[in-house]
């Protein structure tokens, strides 16, 4: 994930994700209304349970590289994009150009 970008809020219907951060760092907003927040750095691991809304944000100055394992190799079929909560958009600002 390039420095200064963020993903879109989403969830994986019926599929969990296990993410190991190899380099860099990323903020992960997660849970109902994306109200929970954690920063994970190189060497950290995060588990995103199935059907949990989440959004990665790389506010750092270096790219973040991670290894992601999911419970089903076809899980991209179950990705559901969500709206960014207004309270969080006010905090993060608009999506940077080139981010998705």
C-alpha atoms as a PDB file:
ATOM      1  CA  UNK A   1       0.000   0.000   0.000  1.00  0.00           C
ATOM      2  CA  UNK A   2       1.679   3.217  -1.107  1.00  0.00           C
ATOM      3  CA  UNK A   3       2.495   5.891   1.459  1.00  0.00           C
ATOM      4  CA  UNK A   4      -0.205   8.543   1.802  1.00  0.00           C
ATOM      5  CA  UNK A   5      -3.057   6.411   0.456  1.00  0.00           C
ATOM      6  CA  UNK A   6      -5.990   4.538   1.888  1.00  0.00           C
ATOM      7  CA  UNK A   7      -8.320   1.743   0.926  1.00  0.00           C
ATOM      8  CA  UNK A   8     -12.072   1.970   0.708  1.00  0.00           C
ATOM      9  CA  UNK A   9     -14.247   0.899   3.620  1.00  0.00           C
ATOM     10  CA  UNK A  10     -15.367  -2.672   3.005  1.00  0.00           C
ATOM     11  CA  UNK A  11     -16.042  -6.067   4.487  1.00  0.00           C
ATOM     12  CA  UNK A  12     -15.573  -9.653   3.347  1.00  0.00           C
ATOM     13  CA  UNK A  13     -18.898 -11.488   3.600  1.00  0.00           C
ATOM     14  CA  UNK A  14     -18.325 -14.805   5.347  1.00  0.00           C
ATOM     15  CA  UNK A  15     -14.518 -14.653   5.161  1.00  0.00           C
ATOM     16  CA  UNK A  16     -11.899 -13.730   7.738  1.00  0.00           C
ATOM     17  CA  UNK A  17      -8.512 -12.170   6.936  1.00  0.00           C
ATOM     18  CA  UNK A  18      -5.147 -12.657   8.639  1.00  0.00           C
ATOM     19  CA  UNK A  19      -2.651  -9.905   7.827  1.00  0.00           C
ATOM     20  CA  UNK A  20       1.075  -9.858   8.663  1.00  0.00           C
ATOM     21  CA  UNK A  21       2.814  -6.507   8.168  1.00  0.00           C
ATOM     22  CA  UNK A  22       6.185  -7.089   6.506  1.00  0.00           C
ATOM     23  CA  UNK A  23       7.349  -3.469   6.255  1.00  0.00           C
ATOM     24  CA  UNK A  24       6.025  -0.007   6.918  1.00  0.00           C
ATOM     25  CA  UNK A  25       2.920   0.614   8.968  1.00  0.00           C
ATOM     26  CA  UNK A  26      -0.801   1.068   8.444  1.00  0.00           C
ATOM     27  CA  UNK A  27      -3.713   2.377  10.468  1.00  0.00           C
ATOM     28  CA  UNK A  28      -6.762   0.123  10.395  1.00  0.00           C
ATOM     29  CA  UNK A  29     -10.177   1.567  11.180  1.00  0.00           C
ATOM     30  CA  UNK A  30     -12.579  -1.285  11.901  1.00  0.00           C
ATOM     31  CA  UNK A  31     -15.796  -2.437  13.525  1.00  0.00           C
ATOM     32  CA  UNK A  32     -19.261  -0.894  13.427  1.00  0.00           C
ATOM     33  CA  UNK A  33     -19.108   2.635  11.938  1.00  0.00           C
ATOM     34  CA  UNK A  34     -15.293   2.100  11.697  1.00  0.00           C
ATOM     35  CA  UNK A  35     -15.152   3.388  15.281  1.00  0.00           C
ATOM     36  CA  UNK A  36     -12.192   1.252  16.386  1.00  0.00           C
ATOM     37  CA  UNK A  37      -8.627   2.126  15.424  1.00  0.00           C
ATOM     38  CA  UNK A  38      -5.292   0.348  15.604  1.00  0.00           C
ATOM     39  CA  UNK A  39      -1.831   1.019  14.157  1.00  0.00           C
ATOM     40  CA  UNK A  40       0.061  -2.054  12.988  1.00  0.00           C
ATOM     41  CA  UNK A  41       3.765  -1.964  12.140  1.00  0.00           C
ATOM     42  CA  UNK A  42       6.341  -4.262  10.578  1.00  0.00           C
ATOM     43  CA  UNK A  43       6.276  -7.572  12.457  1.00  0.00           C
ATOM     44  CA  UNK A  44       2.679  -7.108  13.675  1.00  0.00           C
ATOM     45  CA  UNK A  45      -0.276  -9.318  12.830  1.00  0.00           C
ATOM     46  CA  UNK A  46      -3.949  -8.379  12.699  1.00  0.00           C
ATOM     47  CA  UNK A  47      -7.003 -10.608  12.365  1.00  0.00           C
ATOM     48  CA  UNK A  48     -10.122  -9.213  10.703  1.00  0.00           C
ATOM     49  CA  UNK A  49     -13.101 -11.483  11.480  1.00  0.00           C
ATOM     50  CA  UNK A  50     -15.597 -12.294   8.741  1.00  0.00           C
ATOM     51  CA  UNK A  51     -18.186  -9.590   8.053  1.00  0.00           C
ATOM     52  CA  UNK A  52     -16.193  -6.930   9.935  1.00  0.00           C
ATOM     53  CA  UNK A  53     -16.124  -3.471   8.318  1.00  0.00           C
ATOM     54  CA  UNK A  54     -12.551  -2.209   7.955  1.00  0.00           C
ATOM     55  CA  UNK A  55     -10.395   0.279   6.077  1.00  0.00           C
ATOM     56  CA  UNK A  56      -6.583   0.538   5.876  1.00  0.00           C
ATOM     57  CA  UNK A  57      -4.940   3.974   5.862  1.00  0.00           C
ATOM     58  CA  UNK A  58      -1.222   4.501   5.239  1.00  0.00           C
ATOM     59  CA  UNK A  59      -0.437   7.901   6.738  1.00  0.00           C
ATOM     60  CA  UNK A  60       3.270   7.036   6.896  1.00  0.00           C
ATOM     61  CA  UNK A  61       6.023   8.160   4.580  1.00  0.00           C
ATOM     62  CA  UNK A  62       6.924   4.673   3.355  1.00  0.00           C
ATOM     63  CA  UNK A  63       4.995   2.007   1.507  1.00  0.00           C
ATOM     64  CA  UNK A  64       3.429  -0.764   3.577  1.00  0.00           C
ATOM     65  CA  UNK A  65       3.934  -4.351   2.445  1.00  0.00           C
ATOM     66  CA  UNK A  66       1.885  -7.161   3.951  1.00  0.00           C
ATOM     67  CA  UNK A  67       1.020 -10.808   3.540  1.00  0.00           C
ATOM     68  CA  UNK A  68      -2.735 -11.502   3.558  1.00  0.00           C
ATOM     69  CA  UNK A  69      -4.365 -14.902   4.033  1.00  0.00           C
ATOM     70  CA  UNK A  70      -8.112 -15.392   3.778  1.00  0.00           C
ATOM     71  CA  UNK A  71     -10.399 -18.313   4.525  1.00  0.00           C
ATOM     72  CA  UNK A  72     -11.383 -18.785   0.861  1.00  0.00           C
ATOM     73  CA  UNK A  73      -9.327 -18.113  -2.293  1.00  0.00           C
ATOM     74  CA  UNK A  74     -12.510 -16.949  -4.064  1.00  0.00           C
ATOM     75  CA  UNK A  75     -13.401 -14.459  -1.310  1.00  0.00           C
ATOM     76  CA  UNK A  76     -13.133 -11.417  -3.590  1.00  0.00           C
ATOM     77  CA  UNK A  77     -16.617 -12.390  -4.735  1.00  0.00           C
ATOM     78  CA  UNK A  78     -17.797 -11.533  -1.205  1.00  0.00           C
ATOM     79  CA  UNK A  79     -16.250  -8.049  -0.916  1.00  0.00           C
ATOM     80  CA  UNK A  80     -18.888  -5.459  -0.117  1.00  0.00           C
ATOM     81  CA  UNK A  81     -17.883  -1.798  -0.365  1.00  0.00           C
ATOM     82  CA  UNK A  82     -19.225   0.495   2.354  1.00  0.00           C
ATOM     83  CA  UNK A  83     -19.682   4.228   2.725  1.00  0.00           C
ATOM     84  CA  UNK A  84     -17.082   6.159   4.683  1.00  0.00           C
ATOM     85  CA  UNK A  85     -18.732   7.462   7.872  1.00  0.00           C
ATOM     86  CA  UNK A  86     -19.057  11.266   7.806  1.00  0.00           C
ATOM     87  CA  UNK A  87     -17.228  11.619  11.126  1.00  0.00           C
ATOM     88  CA  UNK A  88     -14.210   9.750   9.732  1.00  0.00           C
ATOM     89  CA  UNK A  89     -14.202  11.571   6.398  1.00  0.00           C
ATOM     90  CA  UNK A  90     -13.959  14.825   8.357  1.00  0.00           C
ATOM     91  CA  UNK A  91     -10.932  13.452  10.190  1.00  0.00           C
ATOM     92  CA  UNK A  92      -9.143  11.900   7.186  1.00  0.00           C
ATOM     93  CA  UNK A  93     -10.162  14.302   4.423  1.00  0.00           C
ATOM     94  CA  UNK A  94     -10.945  13.327   0.844  1.00  0.00           C
ATOM     95  CA  UNK A  95      -9.452  10.222  -0.743  1.00  0.00           C
ATOM     96  CA  UNK A  96      -6.033  11.073  -2.237  1.00  0.00           C
ATOM     97  CA  UNK A  97      -5.825  10.955  -6.043  1.00  0.00           C
ATOM     98  CA  UNK A  98      -4.930   7.441  -7.171  1.00  0.00           C
ATOM     99  CA  UNK A  99      -6.179   5.798  -3.995  1.00  0.00           C
ATOM    100  CA  UNK A 100      -8.980   3.291  -4.086  1.00  0.00           C
END
